[in-house]
Amino acid sequence: MDKIRLAELEDLEDIVEIYNSSIPSRIATGDLQKITVESRLKWFQERDSKHYPIWVIENDNKVIGWISLQHFYGRPAYKSTAEISLYIAQSHRSKGIGKKLLEYVIQESPKLELTTLLGFIFAHNQPSLNLFKKYNFQQWGYLPKVAQLDNIERDLIIMGLRLDYSKI
């Protein structure tokens, strides 16, 4: 049975491993080289779990995915808007784990005083676009050719969801 919980420092190695497993596909992140646990330590420690948490999902006590929220645009006026990052272990992709995590974030958003969720997704990442569309995220922006992955220019789509708490 899958269990979602707040991430702990001990999970950082799994979080980084899962993230690194997404780099070679060139569809989920703009990083081109693997990152290290050390390089993510400050990122992890500076998280505000009351407003912009990181959650992990476990199966048989093994972290198989994670989702985080981060402050959008870094200015106080955007405090109720959060950007979502979502990554699944390679062996657990296409098994509904992303769906569970995204549902969880949407349900937790009122407690975090969030009214708007954003996803920045490469236009060629059809699985993620489909997942976000399933939860009523809409395309709010299209940035053509803003990334270069292996000498290929890639577009970025901004998916947004305005939360209606009467439906959550």
N, C-alpha and C. Protein backbone atom coordinates (compact mmCIF):
# COMPACT_ATOMS: atom_id res chain seq x y z
N MET A 1 0.84 -1.19 0.00
CA MET A 1 0.00 0.00 0.00
C MET A 1 0.89 1.25 0.00
N ASP A 2 0.53 2.21 -0.83
CA ASP A 2 1.30 3.44 -0.94
C ASP A 2 0.95 4.38 0.21
N LYS A 3 1.98 5.05 0.72
CA LYS A 3 1.81 5.99 1.83
C LYS A 3 2.50 7.30 1.47
N ILE A 4 1.77 8.41 1.60
CA ILE A 4 2.34 9.73 1.35
C ILE A 4 2.60 10.39 2.70
N ARG A 5 3.80 10.98 2.82
CA ARG A 5 4.17 11.65 4.07
C ARG A 5 5.15 12.77 3.76
N LEU A 6 5.32 13.66 4.74
CA LEU A 6 6.31 14.72 4.58
C LEU A 6 7.70 14.11 4.46
N ALA A 7 8.49 14.67 3.60
CA ALA A 7 9.87 14.18 3.43
C ALA A 7 10.70 14.55 4.64
N GLU A 8 11.64 13.68 4.95
CA GLU A 8 12.59 13.90 6.03
C GLU A 8 13.99 13.93 5.42
N LEU A 9 14.93 14.48 6.15
CA LEU A 9 16.29 14.58 5.64
C LEU A 9 16.83 13.23 5.17
N GLU A 10 16.45 12.17 5.86
CA GLU A 10 16.90 10.83 5.47
C GLU A 10 16.40 10.41 4.09
N ASP A 11 15.37 11.10 3.58
CA ASP A 11 14.82 10.79 2.26
C ASP A 11 15.57 11.48 1.13
N LEU A 12 16.44 12.42 1.47
CA LEU A 12 17.07 13.23 0.43
C LEU A 12 17.85 12.39 -0.58
N GLU A 13 18.51 11.36 -0.14
CA GLU A 13 19.24 10.51 -1.08
C GLU A 13 18.30 9.88 -2.10
N ASP A 14 17.13 9.39 -1.64
CA ASP A 14 16.15 8.80 -2.56
C ASP A 14 15.56 9.87 -3.48
N ILE A 15 15.29 11.05 -2.93
CA ILE A 15 14.75 12.15 -3.74
C ILE A 15 15.71 12.48 -4.88
N VAL A 16 16.99 12.59 -4.57
CA VAL A 16 18.00 12.91 -5.59
C VAL A 16 18.13 11.76 -6.59
N GLU A 17 18.11 10.53 -6.11
CA GLU A 17 18.21 9.38 -7.02
C GLU A 17 17.04 9.36 -8.01
N ILE A 18 15.85 9.60 -7.52
CA ILE A 18 14.66 9.62 -8.39
C ILE A 18 14.77 10.77 -9.40
N TYR A 19 15.17 11.93 -8.92
CA TYR A 19 15.33 13.08 -9.80
C TYR A 19 16.36 12.78 -10.89
N ASN A 20 17.50 12.25 -10.48
CA ASN A 20 18.55 11.93 -11.45
C ASN A 20 18.10 10.92 -12.49
N SER A 21 17.20 10.01 -12.11
CA SER A 21 16.72 9.01 -13.06
C SER A 21 15.89 9.64 -14.18
N SER A 22 15.42 10.87 -13.96
CA SER A 22 14.60 11.55 -14.97
C SER A 22 15.44 12.34 -15.97
N ILE A 23 16.69 12.59 -15.65
CA ILE A 23 17.52 13.45 -16.50
C ILE A 23 17.78 12.85 -17.89
N PRO A 24 18.15 11.58 -18.02
CA PRO A 24 18.48 11.06 -19.35
C PRO A 24 17.34 11.13 -20.38
N SER A 25 16.10 11.07 -19.95
CA SER A 25 14.98 11.09 -20.89
C SER A 25 14.79 12.45 -21.57
N ARG A 26 15.31 13.50 -20.93
CA ARG A 26 15.21 14.86 -21.44
C ARG A 26 13.76 15.34 -21.60
N ILE A 27 12.84 14.80 -20.80
CA ILE A 27 11.46 15.30 -20.88
C ILE A 27 10.97 15.93 -19.57
N ALA A 28 11.66 15.72 -18.45
CA ALA A 28 11.11 16.16 -17.17
C ALA A 28 11.90 17.25 -16.46
N THR A 29 13.11 17.52 -16.88
CA THR A 29 13.91 18.54 -16.19
C THR A 29 14.88 19.18 -17.17
N GLY A 30 15.25 20.40 -16.85
CA GLY A 30 16.24 21.10 -17.65
C GLY A 30 17.66 20.82 -17.23
N ASP A 31 17.83 20.05 -16.14
CA ASP A 31 19.19 19.65 -15.77
C ASP A 31 19.71 18.67 -16.81
N LEU A 32 20.99 18.80 -17.12
CA LEU A 32 21.60 17.95 -18.13
C LEU A 32 22.58 16.94 -17.52
N GLN A 33 23.02 17.23 -16.30
CA GLN A 33 23.94 16.34 -15.58
C GLN A 33 23.30 15.97 -14.24
N LYS A 34 23.68 14.82 -13.73
CA LYS A 34 23.18 14.39 -12.43
C LYS A 34 23.57 15.39 -11.34
N ILE A 35 22.68 15.52 -10.37
CA ILE A 35 22.95 16.38 -9.23
C ILE A 35 23.41 15.51 -8.06
N THR A 36 23.90 16.16 -7.02
CA THR A 36 24.36 15.41 -5.84
C THR A 36 23.47 15.72 -4.65
N VAL A 37 23.52 14.84 -3.67
CA VAL A 37 22.79 15.06 -2.43
C VAL A 37 23.28 16.36 -1.79
N GLU A 38 24.57 16.57 -1.81
CA GLU A 38 25.15 17.77 -1.22
C GLU A 38 24.61 19.03 -1.88
N SER A 39 24.43 18.98 -3.20
CA SER A 39 23.95 20.17 -3.91
C SER A 39 22.49 20.47 -3.61
N ARG A 40 21.76 19.51 -3.09
CA ARG A 40 20.33 19.69 -2.77
C ARG A 40 20.08 19.88 -1.28
N LEU A 41 21.11 19.80 -0.48
CA LEU A 41 20.94 19.89 0.97
C LEU A 41 20.34 21.24 1.39
N LYS A 42 20.88 22.33 0.89
CA LYS A 42 20.36 23.65 1.23
C LYS A 42 18.91 23.79 0.76
N TRP A 43 18.62 23.36 -0.47
CA TRP A 43 17.26 23.36 -1.02
C TRP A 43 16.30 22.65 -0.07
N PHE A 44 16.71 21.50 0.42
CA PHE A 44 15.86 20.72 1.30
C PHE A 44 15.68 21.41 2.66
N GLN A 45 16.77 21.87 3.23
CA GLN A 45 16.73 22.46 4.57
C GLN A 45 15.97 23.78 4.61
N GLU A 46 15.90 24.49 3.51
CA GLU A 46 15.22 25.77 3.48
C GLU A 46 13.73 25.66 3.18
N ARG A 47 13.24 24.45 3.06
CA ARG A 47 11.82 24.26 2.77
C ARG A 47 10.98 24.65 3.96
N ASP A 48 9.84 25.27 3.68
CA ASP A 48 8.85 25.62 4.68
C ASP A 48 7.72 24.59 4.58
N SER A 49 7.77 23.59 5.45
CA SER A 49 6.81 22.50 5.34
C SER A 49 5.37 22.93 5.65
N LYS A 50 5.20 24.12 6.22
CA LYS A 50 3.85 24.60 6.51
C LYS A 50 3.24 25.31 5.30
N HIS A 51 4.06 25.63 4.31
CA HIS A 51 3.52 26.33 3.14
C HIS A 51 4.01 25.75 1.81
N TYR A 52 5.26 25.32 1.76
CA TYR A 52 5.84 24.78 0.53
C TYR A 52 6.58 23.47 0.84
N PRO A 53 5.84 22.42 1.18
CA PRO A 53 6.49 21.18 1.61
C PRO A 53 6.98 20.29 0.46
N ILE A 54 7.70 19.28 0.87
CA ILE A 54 8.09 18.17 0.01
C ILE A 54 7.44 16.92 0.62
N TRP A 55 6.74 16.18 -0.20
CA TRP A 55 6.18 14.91 0.25
C TRP A 55 6.81 13.78 -0.54
N VAL A 56 6.92 12.63 0.10
CA VAL A 56 7.36 11.43 -0.60
C VAL A 56 6.22 10.43 -0.57
N ILE A 57 6.24 9.52 -1.51
CA ILE A 57 5.30 8.41 -1.51
C ILE A 57 6.13 7.14 -1.38
N GLU A 58 5.72 6.30 -0.45
CA GLU A 58 6.43 5.04 -0.18
C GLU A 58 5.58 3.85 -0.58
N ASN A 59 6.26 2.81 -0.97
CA ASN A 59 5.64 1.51 -1.19
C ASN A 59 6.57 0.50 -0.54
N ASP A 60 6.03 -0.27 0.40
CA ASP A 60 6.85 -1.22 1.17
C ASP A 60 8.06 -0.53 1.80
N ASN A 61 7.83 0.64 2.38
CA ASN A 61 8.86 1.42 3.08
C ASN A 61 9.99 1.91 2.17
N LYS A 62 9.76 1.93 0.86
CA LYS A 62 10.75 2.43 -0.10
C LYS A 62 10.16 3.64 -0.80
N VAL A 63 10.91 4.75 -0.81
CA VAL A 63 10.45 5.95 -1.50
C VAL A 63 10.44 5.68 -3.00
N ILE A 64 9.25 5.89 -3.62
CA ILE A 64 9.10 5.61 -5.05
C ILE A 64 8.74 6.86 -5.85
N GLY A 65 8.59 7.99 -5.15
CA GLY A 65 8.28 9.23 -5.84
C GLY A 65 8.22 10.37 -4.85
N TRP A 66 8.20 11.57 -5.39
CA TRP A 66 8.09 12.76 -4.53
C TRP A 66 7.45 13.89 -5.29
N ILE A 67 6.90 14.79 -4.50
CA ILE A 67 6.28 15.99 -5.06
C ILE A 67 6.60 17.14 -4.11
N SER A 68 6.89 18.29 -4.67
CA SER A 68 7.19 19.44 -3.82
C SER A 68 6.48 20.67 -4.36
N LEU A 69 6.32 21.62 -3.46
CA LEU A 69 5.78 22.91 -3.81
C LEU A 69 6.84 23.95 -3.52
N GLN A 70 6.95 24.91 -4.38
CA GLN A 70 7.90 25.98 -4.13
C GLN A 70 7.25 27.31 -4.44
N HIS A 71 7.77 28.32 -3.77
CA HIS A 71 7.25 29.67 -3.94
C HIS A 71 7.42 30.09 -5.39
N PHE A 72 6.38 30.66 -5.94
CA PHE A 72 6.42 31.15 -7.31
C PHE A 72 6.90 32.59 -7.33
N TYR A 73 7.89 32.87 -8.08
CA TYR A 73 8.38 34.21 -8.40
C TYR A 73 9.06 34.93 -7.25
N GLY A 74 9.09 34.34 -6.06
CA GLY A 74 9.90 34.87 -4.97
C GLY A 74 9.51 36.21 -4.39
N ARG A 75 8.29 36.65 -4.61
CA ARG A 75 7.85 37.92 -4.05
C ARG A 75 6.58 37.71 -3.24
N PRO A 76 6.38 38.51 -2.19
CA PRO A 76 5.26 38.29 -1.26
C PRO A 76 3.88 38.27 -1.90
N ALA A 77 3.68 39.02 -2.96
CA ALA A 77 2.36 39.08 -3.59
C ALA A 77 1.92 37.73 -4.16
N TYR A 78 2.88 36.84 -4.37
CA TYR A 78 2.59 35.53 -4.97
C TYR A 78 2.55 34.41 -3.93
N LYS A 79 2.41 34.76 -2.66
CA LYS A 79 2.49 33.77 -1.58
C LYS A 79 1.47 32.64 -1.72
N SER A 80 0.32 32.91 -2.29
CA SER A 80 -0.72 31.88 -2.39
C SER A 80 -0.63 31.07 -3.68
N THR A 81 0.45 31.25 -4.43
CA THR A 81 0.70 30.50 -5.66
C THR A 81 1.94 29.64 -5.46
N ALA A 82 1.85 28.39 -5.89
CA ALA A 82 2.99 27.48 -5.74
C ALA A 82 3.25 26.73 -7.05
N GLU A 83 4.52 26.51 -7.29
CA GLU A 83 4.96 25.70 -8.43
C GLU A 83 5.17 24.26 -7.97
N ILE A 84 4.67 23.33 -8.74
CA ILE A 84 4.76 21.91 -8.41
C ILE A 84 5.94 21.27 -9.14
N SER A 85 6.68 20.43 -8.42
CA SER A 85 7.67 19.55 -9.02
C SER A 85 7.27 18.13 -8.64
N LEU A 86 7.27 17.23 -9.61
CA LEU A 86 6.78 15.87 -9.40
C LEU A 86 7.68 14.89 -10.14
N TYR A 87 8.21 13.91 -9.39
CA TYR A 87 9.12 12.92 -9.98
C TYR A 87 8.82 11.53 -9.42
N ILE A 88 8.86 10.55 -10.30
CA ILE A 88 8.55 9.16 -9.95
C ILE A 88 9.74 8.28 -10.30
N ALA A 89 10.02 7.32 -9.43
CA ALA A 89 11.10 6.35 -9.72
C ALA A 89 10.79 5.65 -11.04
N GLN A 90 11.83 5.41 -11.80
CA GLN A 90 11.67 4.83 -13.14
C GLN A 90 10.84 3.53 -13.11
N SER A 91 11.08 2.69 -12.13
CA SER A 91 10.37 1.41 -12.06
C SER A 91 8.90 1.54 -11.68
N HIS A 92 8.48 2.74 -11.29
CA HIS A 92 7.09 2.94 -10.87
C HIS A 92 6.32 3.92 -11.75
N ARG A 93 6.91 4.34 -12.86
CA ARG A 93 6.21 5.26 -13.75
C ARG A 93 5.08 4.53 -14.47
N SER A 94 4.06 5.29 -14.83
CA SER A 94 2.86 4.77 -15.53
C SER A 94 2.08 3.78 -14.68
N LYS A 95 2.13 3.95 -13.36
CA LYS A 95 1.40 3.05 -12.45
C LYS A 95 0.45 3.82 -11.53
N GLY A 96 0.17 5.08 -11.86
CA GLY A 96 -0.76 5.87 -11.07
C GLY A 96 -0.16 6.59 -9.88
N ILE A 97 1.15 6.55 -9.73
CA ILE A 97 1.80 7.20 -8.58
C ILE A 97 1.70 8.72 -8.72
N GLY A 98 1.94 9.25 -9.91
CA GLY A 98 1.82 10.68 -10.13
C GLY A 98 0.41 11.17 -9.84
N LYS A 99 -0.57 10.38 -10.22
CA LYS A 99 -1.97 10.71 -9.96
C LYS A 99 -2.23 10.83 -8.45
N LYS A 100 -1.72 9.88 -7.70
CA LYS A 100 -1.91 9.92 -6.23
C LYS A 100 -1.26 11.15 -5.62
N LEU A 101 -0.05 11.47 -6.08
CA LEU A 101 0.65 12.63 -5.54
C LEU A 101 -0.03 13.95 -5.91
N LEU A 102 -0.47 14.07 -7.14
CA LEU A 102 -1.12 15.31 -7.57
C LEU A 102 -2.46 15.49 -6.85
N GLU A 103 -3.22 14.43 -6.72
CA GLU A 103 -4.47 14.49 -5.96
C GLU A 103 -4.20 14.95 -4.53
N TYR A 104 -3.17 14.40 -3.93
CA TYR A 104 -2.82 14.73 -2.55
C TYR A 104 -2.50 16.22 -2.41
N VAL A 105 -1.70 16.75 -3.32
CA VAL A 105 -1.33 18.16 -3.26
C VAL A 105 -2.58 19.04 -3.40
N ILE A 106 -3.43 18.70 -4.31
CA ILE A 106 -4.66 19.50 -4.49
C ILE A 106 -5.50 19.48 -3.21
N GLN A 107 -5.61 18.32 -2.59
CA GLN A 107 -6.38 18.21 -1.35
C GLN A 107 -5.73 18.97 -0.19
N GLU A 108 -4.41 19.00 -0.15
CA GLU A 108 -3.69 19.66 0.94
C GLU A 108 -3.58 21.18 0.76
N SER A 109 -3.80 21.67 -0.44
CA SER A 109 -3.60 23.09 -0.75
C SER A 109 -4.37 24.05 0.16
N PRO A 110 -5.62 23.78 0.52
CA PRO A 110 -6.30 24.72 1.42
C PRO A 110 -5.58 24.88 2.76
N LYS A 111 -5.04 23.81 3.31
CA LYS A 111 -4.31 23.88 4.58
C LYS A 111 -3.05 24.72 4.44
N LEU A 112 -2.51 24.80 3.23
CA LEU A 112 -1.28 25.55 2.96
C LEU A 112 -1.58 26.98 2.52
N GLU A 113 -2.86 27.33 2.50
CA GLU A 113 -3.32 28.66 2.09
C GLU A 113 -2.93 28.99 0.65
N LEU A 114 -3.01 27.97 -0.20
CA LEU A 114 -2.71 28.14 -1.62
C LEU A 114 -4.00 28.26 -2.41
N THR A 115 -3.99 29.14 -3.39
CA THR A 115 -5.16 29.30 -4.26
C THR A 115 -4.85 28.96 -5.71
N THR A 116 -3.56 28.89 -6.04
CA THR A 116 -3.16 28.64 -7.42
C THR A 116 -1.97 27.70 -7.44
N LEU A 117 -2.06 26.69 -8.32
CA LEU A 117 -0.95 25.75 -8.52
C LEU A 117 -0.48 25.86 -9.96
N LEU A 118 0.83 25.78 -10.15
CA LEU A 118 1.43 25.87 -11.48
C LEU A 118 2.34 24.68 -11.74
N GLY A 119 2.36 24.25 -12.97
CA GLY A 119 3.32 23.24 -13.41
C GLY A 119 4.02 23.77 -14.65
N PHE A 120 5.34 23.71 -14.65
CA PHE A 120 6.14 24.11 -15.81
C PHE A 120 6.59 22.82 -16.48
N ILE A 121 6.04 22.52 -17.65
CA ILE A 121 6.21 21.21 -18.27
C ILE A 121 6.68 21.38 -19.72
N PHE A 122 7.71 20.62 -20.07
CA PHE A 122 8.15 20.65 -21.46
C PHE A 122 6.99 20.21 -22.36
N ALA A 123 6.87 20.86 -23.52
CA ALA A 123 5.78 20.56 -24.45
C ALA A 123 5.84 19.14 -24.98
N HIS A 124 7.02 18.51 -24.97
CA HIS A 124 7.14 17.14 -25.46
C HIS A 124 6.95 16.11 -24.33
N ASN A 125 6.61 16.56 -23.13
CA ASN A 125 6.37 15.66 -22.00
C ASN A 125 4.87 15.35 -21.92
N GLN A 126 4.41 14.56 -22.86
CA GLN A 126 2.98 14.26 -22.96
C GLN A 126 2.42 13.55 -21.73
N PRO A 127 3.14 12.61 -21.10
CA PRO A 127 2.58 11.99 -19.90
C PRO A 127 2.27 13.00 -18.79
N SER A 128 3.16 13.95 -18.55
CA SER A 128 2.90 14.95 -17.51
C SER A 128 1.79 15.90 -17.92
N LEU A 129 1.77 16.32 -19.17
CA LEU A 129 0.69 17.20 -19.64
C LEU A 129 -0.66 16.50 -19.48
N ASN A 130 -0.73 15.23 -19.84
CA ASN A 130 -1.98 14.48 -19.69
C ASN A 130 -2.41 14.38 -18.23
N LEU A 131 -1.45 14.13 -17.35
CA LEU A 131 -1.75 14.03 -15.92
C LEU A 131 -2.33 15.35 -15.40
N PHE A 132 -1.68 16.44 -15.70
CA PHE A 132 -2.16 17.73 -15.20
C PHE A 132 -3.52 18.08 -15.79
N LYS A 133 -3.72 17.79 -17.07
CA LYS A 133 -5.02 18.06 -17.70
C LYS A 133 -6.13 17.24 -17.03
N LYS A 134 -5.81 16.03 -16.61
CA LYS A 134 -6.79 15.18 -15.95
C LYS A 134 -7.33 15.82 -14.67
N TYR A 135 -6.51 16.69 -14.07
CA TYR A 135 -6.91 17.38 -12.83
C TYR A 135 -7.28 18.84 -13.08
N ASN A 136 -7.72 19.09 -14.31
CA ASN A 136 -8.28 20.39 -14.70
C ASN A 136 -7.28 21.54 -14.74
N PHE A 137 -5.99 21.23 -14.80
CA PHE A 137 -5.02 22.27 -15.08
C PHE A 137 -5.22 22.68 -16.54
N GLN A 138 -5.07 23.96 -16.78
CA GLN A 138 -5.21 24.49 -18.13
C GLN A 138 -3.89 25.13 -18.58
N GLN A 139 -3.70 25.19 -19.87
CA GLN A 139 -2.51 25.84 -20.39
C GLN A 139 -2.66 27.34 -20.22
N TRP A 140 -1.79 27.92 -19.40
CA TRP A 140 -1.81 29.36 -19.15
C TRP A 140 -0.67 30.07 -19.86
N GLY A 141 0.28 29.33 -20.34
CA GLY A 141 1.39 29.97 -21.02
C GLY A 141 2.13 29.01 -21.92
N TYR A 142 2.76 29.55 -22.94
CA TYR A 142 3.54 28.75 -23.88
C TYR A 142 4.80 29.54 -24.21
N LEU A 143 5.94 28.97 -23.86
CA LEU A 143 7.22 29.63 -24.09
C LEU A 143 7.99 28.84 -25.15
N PRO A 144 7.98 29.31 -26.38
CA PRO A 144 8.63 28.55 -27.45
C PRO A 144 10.15 28.59 -27.38
N LYS A 145 10.74 27.42 -27.56
CA LYS A 145 12.19 27.28 -27.72
C LYS A 145 13.01 27.95 -26.62
N VAL A 146 12.58 27.80 -25.36
CA VAL A 146 13.30 28.44 -24.26
C VAL A 146 14.36 27.54 -23.64
N ALA A 147 14.36 26.27 -24.00
CA ALA A 147 15.35 25.33 -23.46
C ALA A 147 16.07 24.65 -24.61
N GLN A 148 17.31 24.26 -24.33
CA GLN A 148 18.06 23.51 -25.33
C GLN A 148 18.56 22.23 -24.68
N LEU A 149 18.04 21.12 -25.17
CA LEU A 149 18.39 19.80 -24.66
C LEU A 149 19.07 19.01 -25.76
N ASP A 150 20.33 18.73 -25.61
CA ASP A 150 21.09 17.99 -26.62
C ASP A 150 20.95 18.63 -28.00
N ASN A 151 21.15 19.94 -28.05
CA ASN A 151 21.10 20.71 -29.29
C ASN A 151 19.72 20.75 -29.94
N ILE A 152 18.69 20.44 -29.18
CA ILE A 152 17.31 20.54 -29.68
C ILE A 152 16.61 21.61 -28.85
N GLU A 153 16.05 22.60 -29.52
CA GLU A 153 15.31 23.62 -28.80
C GLU A 153 13.95 23.06 -28.39
N ARG A 154 13.58 23.32 -27.13
CA ARG A 154 12.35 22.77 -26.58
C ARG A 154 11.46 23.87 -26.03
N ASP A 155 10.15 23.65 -26.16
CA ASP A 155 9.15 24.58 -25.68
C ASP A 155 8.74 24.20 -24.26
N LEU A 156 8.26 25.20 -23.52
CA LEU A 156 7.80 24.99 -22.15
C LEU A 156 6.35 25.46 -22.05
N ILE A 157 5.53 24.63 -21.45
CA ILE A 157 4.13 24.96 -21.24
C ILE A 157 3.91 25.22 -19.75
N ILE A 158 3.21 26.29 -19.45
CA ILE A 158 2.83 26.58 -18.07
C ILE A 158 1.39 26.14 -17.90
N MET A 159 1.21 25.17 -17.01
CA MET A 159 -0.13 24.66 -16.70
C MET A 159 -0.56 25.26 -15.36
N GLY A 160 -1.78 25.75 -15.30
CA GLY A 160 -2.25 26.38 -14.07
C GLY A 160 -3.59 25.84 -13.63
N LEU A 161 -3.79 25.88 -12.33
CA LEU A 161 -5.06 25.47 -11.73
C LEU A 161 -5.42 26.48 -10.64
N ARG A 162 -6.55 27.11 -10.80
CA ARG A 162 -7.10 27.98 -9.77
C ARG A 162 -7.98 27.09 -8.90
N LEU A 163 -7.66 27.02 -7.62
CA LEU A 163 -8.35 26.10 -6.74
C LEU A 163 -9.70 26.65 -6.30
N ASP A 164 -10.70 25.81 -6.44
CA ASP A 164 -12.05 26.14 -5.99
C ASP A 164 -12.31 25.25 -4.78
N TYR A 165 -12.19 25.83 -3.60
CA TYR A 165 -12.28 25.03 -2.37
C TYR A 165 -13.66 24.43 -2.17
N SER A 166 -14.67 24.91 -2.85
CA SER A 166 -15.98 24.30 -2.69
C SER A 166 -16.05 22.93 -3.36
N LYS A 167 -15.07 22.64 -4.24
CA LYS A 167 -15.05 21.36 -4.94
C LYS A 167 -14.01 20.39 -4.40
N ILE A 168 -13.23 20.85 -3.41
CA ILE A 168 -12.18 19.99 -2.87
C ILE A 168 -12.70 19.24 -1.68
